[in-house]
Amino acid sequence: MRKSGVDERRGAPIEYRLKLPEQGEVIGTVAKTAGATKFFVDCSDGKQRLCSIPGRFRRRFWVKENDVVIVKPWVVQSDIRGDIVWRYSVMDINKLREKQLV
């Protein structure tokens, strides 16, 4: 894994696609922690949800307060519960602000 955004062999910047929310997913900001893998998230649709990190993602990324995440609401209790499926990096948050999604 390269530490910089420049390919050492060719000197070209590395570009990657920004992950956007899919159908039924919303962007949110982590408000506070409610346990080891549970968080209160203020979602872009104006609702606050108690979200958890599914088992397949628990060791993949660490979530802290004020992180911007993608939330997938549950089928049952979709207004109050959801799963965190992605956490944005600082560079990704800047790109979201340019697109006015955050």
C-alpha atoms as a PDB file:
ATOM      1  CA  MET A   1       0.000   0.000   0.000  1.00  0.00           C
ATOM      2  CA  ARG A   2       1.394   3.361  -0.996  1.00  0.00           C
ATOM      3  CA  LYS A   3       1.633   6.097   1.588  1.00  0.00           C
ATOM      4  CA  SER A   4       1.408   8.985  -0.840  1.00  0.00           C
ATOM      5  CA  GLY A   5      -1.043   9.845  -3.565  1.00  0.00           C
ATOM      6  CA  VAL A   6       1.650   9.639  -6.255  1.00  0.00           C
ATOM      7  CA  ASP A   7       2.687   6.512  -8.121  1.00  0.00           C
ATOM      8  CA  GLU A   8       6.461   6.311  -7.604  1.00  0.00           C
ATOM      9  CA  ARG A   9       7.074   4.585 -10.929  1.00  0.00           C
ATOM     10  CA  ARG A  10       5.204   6.985 -13.173  1.00  0.00           C
ATOM     11  CA  GLY A  11       4.606  10.054 -11.011  1.00  0.00           C
ATOM     12  CA  ALA A  12       0.873  10.010 -11.790  1.00  0.00           C
ATOM     13  CA  PRO A  13      -1.634  10.699  -9.010  1.00  0.00           C
ATOM     14  CA  ILE A  14      -3.709   7.744  -7.878  1.00  0.00           C
ATOM     15  CA  GLU A  15      -7.422   8.228  -8.483  1.00  0.00           C
ATOM     16  CA  TYR A  16     -10.196   6.192  -6.906  1.00  0.00           C
ATOM     17  CA  ARG A  17     -13.953   6.426  -6.982  1.00  0.00           C
ATOM     18  CA  LEU A  18     -15.815   7.994  -4.109  1.00  0.00           C
ATOM     19  CA  LYS A  19     -18.350   5.602  -2.593  1.00  0.00           C
ATOM     20  CA  LEU A  20     -21.788   7.210  -2.639  1.00  0.00           C
ATOM     21  CA  PRO A  21     -24.917   5.933  -0.855  1.00  0.00           C
ATOM     22  CA  GLU A  22     -26.921   3.427  -2.854  1.00  0.00           C
ATOM     23  CA  GLN A  23     -30.691   2.981  -2.965  1.00  0.00           C
ATOM     24  CA  GLY A  24     -32.056   3.008   0.579  1.00  0.00           C
ATOM     25  CA  GLU A  25     -28.821   4.226   2.225  1.00  0.00           C
ATOM     26  CA  VAL A  26     -28.241   7.647   3.820  1.00  0.00           C
ATOM     27  CA  ILE A  27     -25.206   9.680   4.881  1.00  0.00           C
ATOM     28  CA  GLY A  28     -24.881  10.492   8.573  1.00  0.00           C
ATOM     29  CA  THR A  29     -22.574  11.914  11.218  1.00  0.00           C
ATOM     30  CA  VAL A  30     -21.777   9.950  14.374  1.00  0.00           C
ATOM     31  CA  ALA A  31     -23.183  11.914  17.339  1.00  0.00           C
ATOM     32  CA  LYS A  32     -22.047   9.728  20.248  1.00  0.00           C
ATOM     33  CA  THR A  33     -21.008   6.220  21.221  1.00  0.00           C
ATOM     34  CA  ALA A  34     -23.537   3.902  22.877  1.00  0.00           C
ATOM     35  CA  GLY A  35     -21.290   0.919  23.518  1.00  0.00           C
ATOM     36  CA  ALA A  36     -18.565  -1.033  21.779  1.00  0.00           C
ATOM     37  CA  THR A  37     -20.184  -1.276  18.336  1.00  0.00           C
ATOM     38  CA  LYS A  38     -23.288   0.898  18.705  1.00  0.00           C
ATOM     39  CA  PHE A  39     -23.485   4.580  17.828  1.00  0.00           C
ATOM     40  CA  PHE A  40     -26.098   7.331  17.648  1.00  0.00           C
ATOM     41  CA  VAL A  41     -25.942   8.750  14.115  1.00  0.00           C
ATOM     42  CA  ASP A  42     -27.570  11.983  12.883  1.00  0.00           C
ATOM     43  CA  CYS A  43     -28.701  11.054   9.364  1.00  0.00           C
ATOM     44  CA  SER A  44     -29.183  13.340   6.363  1.00  0.00           C
ATOM     45  CA  ASP A  45     -32.932  12.597   6.306  1.00  0.00           C
ATOM     46  CA  GLY A  46     -33.308  14.373   9.675  1.00  0.00           C
ATOM     47  CA  LYS A  47     -33.594  11.275  11.876  1.00  0.00           C
ATOM     48  CA  GLN A  48     -31.286  10.061  14.622  1.00  0.00           C
ATOM     49  CA  ARG A  49     -30.694   6.320  14.478  1.00  0.00           C
ATOM     50  CA  LEU A  50     -29.031   3.839  16.817  1.00  0.00           C
ATOM     51  CA  CYS A  51     -26.623   2.139  14.424  1.00  0.00           C
ATOM     52  CA  SER A  52     -24.376  -0.845  14.875  1.00  0.00           C
ATOM     53  CA  ILE A  53     -21.396  -2.138  12.933  1.00  0.00           C
ATOM     54  CA  PRO A  54     -22.128  -5.568  11.422  1.00  0.00           C
ATOM     55  CA  GLY A  55     -19.719  -8.370  12.327  1.00  0.00           C
ATOM     56  CA  ARG A  56     -18.081  -8.489   8.904  1.00  0.00           C
ATOM     57  CA  PHE A  57     -17.012  -4.817   9.264  1.00  0.00           C
ATOM     58  CA  ARG A  58     -16.005  -4.682  12.951  1.00  0.00           C
ATOM     59  CA  ARG A  59     -12.278  -5.059  12.404  1.00  0.00           C
ATOM     60  CA  ARG A  60     -12.202  -3.365   9.010  1.00  0.00           C
ATOM     61  CA  PHE A  61     -12.724   0.199  10.222  1.00  0.00           C
ATOM     62  CA  TRP A  62     -12.880   2.063  13.534  1.00  0.00           C
ATOM     63  CA  VAL A  63     -15.629   4.620  14.052  1.00  0.00           C
ATOM     64  CA  LYS A  64     -15.280   7.667  16.294  1.00  0.00           C
ATOM     65  CA  GLU A  65     -17.519  10.621  17.120  1.00  0.00           C
ATOM     66  CA  ASN A  66     -17.994  13.182  14.304  1.00  0.00           C
ATOM     67  CA  ASP A  67     -17.077  10.622  11.611  1.00  0.00           C
ATOM     68  CA  VAL A  68     -19.143  10.717   8.425  1.00  0.00           C
ATOM     69  CA  VAL A  69     -20.628   7.300   7.614  1.00  0.00           C
ATOM     70  CA  ILE A  70     -23.091   5.584   5.297  1.00  0.00           C
ATOM     71  CA  VAL A  71     -26.053   4.100   7.154  1.00  0.00           C
ATOM     72  CA  LYS A  72     -28.318   1.370   5.838  1.00  0.00           C
ATOM     73  CA  PRO A  73     -31.624   1.521   7.767  1.00  0.00           C
ATOM     74  CA  TRP A  74     -33.112  -1.747   8.920  1.00  0.00           C
ATOM     75  CA  VAL A  75     -36.228  -3.105   7.203  1.00  0.00           C
ATOM     76  CA  VAL A  76     -37.983  -3.253  10.580  1.00  0.00           C
ATOM     77  CA  GLN A  77     -37.687  -0.073  12.714  1.00  0.00           C
ATOM     78  CA  SER A  78     -36.114   1.819   9.804  1.00  0.00           C
ATOM     79  CA  ASP A  79     -36.669   5.193  11.513  1.00  0.00           C
ATOM     80  CA  ILE A  80     -34.708   4.348  14.674  1.00  0.00           C
ATOM     81  CA  ARG A  81     -32.173   1.608  13.790  1.00  0.00           C
ATOM     82  CA  GLY A  82     -29.585   0.931  11.106  1.00  0.00           C
ATOM     83  CA  ASP A  83     -26.208  -0.543  10.183  1.00  0.00           C
ATOM     84  CA  ILE A  84     -23.011   1.397   9.470  1.00  0.00           C
ATOM     85  CA  VAL A  85     -21.675   0.094   6.165  1.00  0.00           C
ATOM     86  CA  TRP A  86     -18.932   2.644   5.322  1.00  0.00           C
ATOM     87  CA  ARG A  87     -16.785   5.277   7.020  1.00  0.00           C
ATOM     88  CA  TYR A  88     -15.397   8.171   4.976  1.00  0.00           C
ATOM     89  CA  SER A  89     -11.808   9.380   5.266  1.00  0.00           C
ATOM     90  CA  VAL A  90     -10.903  13.064   5.628  1.00  0.00           C
ATOM     91  CA  MET A  91     -10.160  13.381   1.896  1.00  0.00           C
ATOM     92  CA  ASP A  92     -13.491  11.760   1.046  1.00  0.00           C
ATOM     93  CA  ILE A  93     -15.343  14.180   3.335  1.00  0.00           C
ATOM     94  CA  ASN A  94     -13.768  17.109   1.479  1.00  0.00           C
ATOM     95  CA  LYS A  95     -14.962  15.646  -1.828  1.00  0.00           C
ATOM     96  CA  LEU A  96     -18.473  15.203  -0.391  1.00  0.00           C
ATOM     97  CA  ARG A  97     -18.468  18.841   0.703  1.00  0.00           C
ATOM     98  CA  GLU A  98     -17.472  19.898  -2.838  1.00  0.00           C
ATOM     99  CA  LYS A  99     -20.467  17.941  -4.172  1.00  0.00           C
ATOM    100  CA  GLN A 100     -22.628  19.428  -1.376  1.00  0.00           C
ATOM    101  CA  LEU A 101     -23.689  16.026  -0.048  1.00  0.00           C
ATOM    102  CA  VAL A 102     -22.610  16.795   3.541  1.00  0.00           C
END
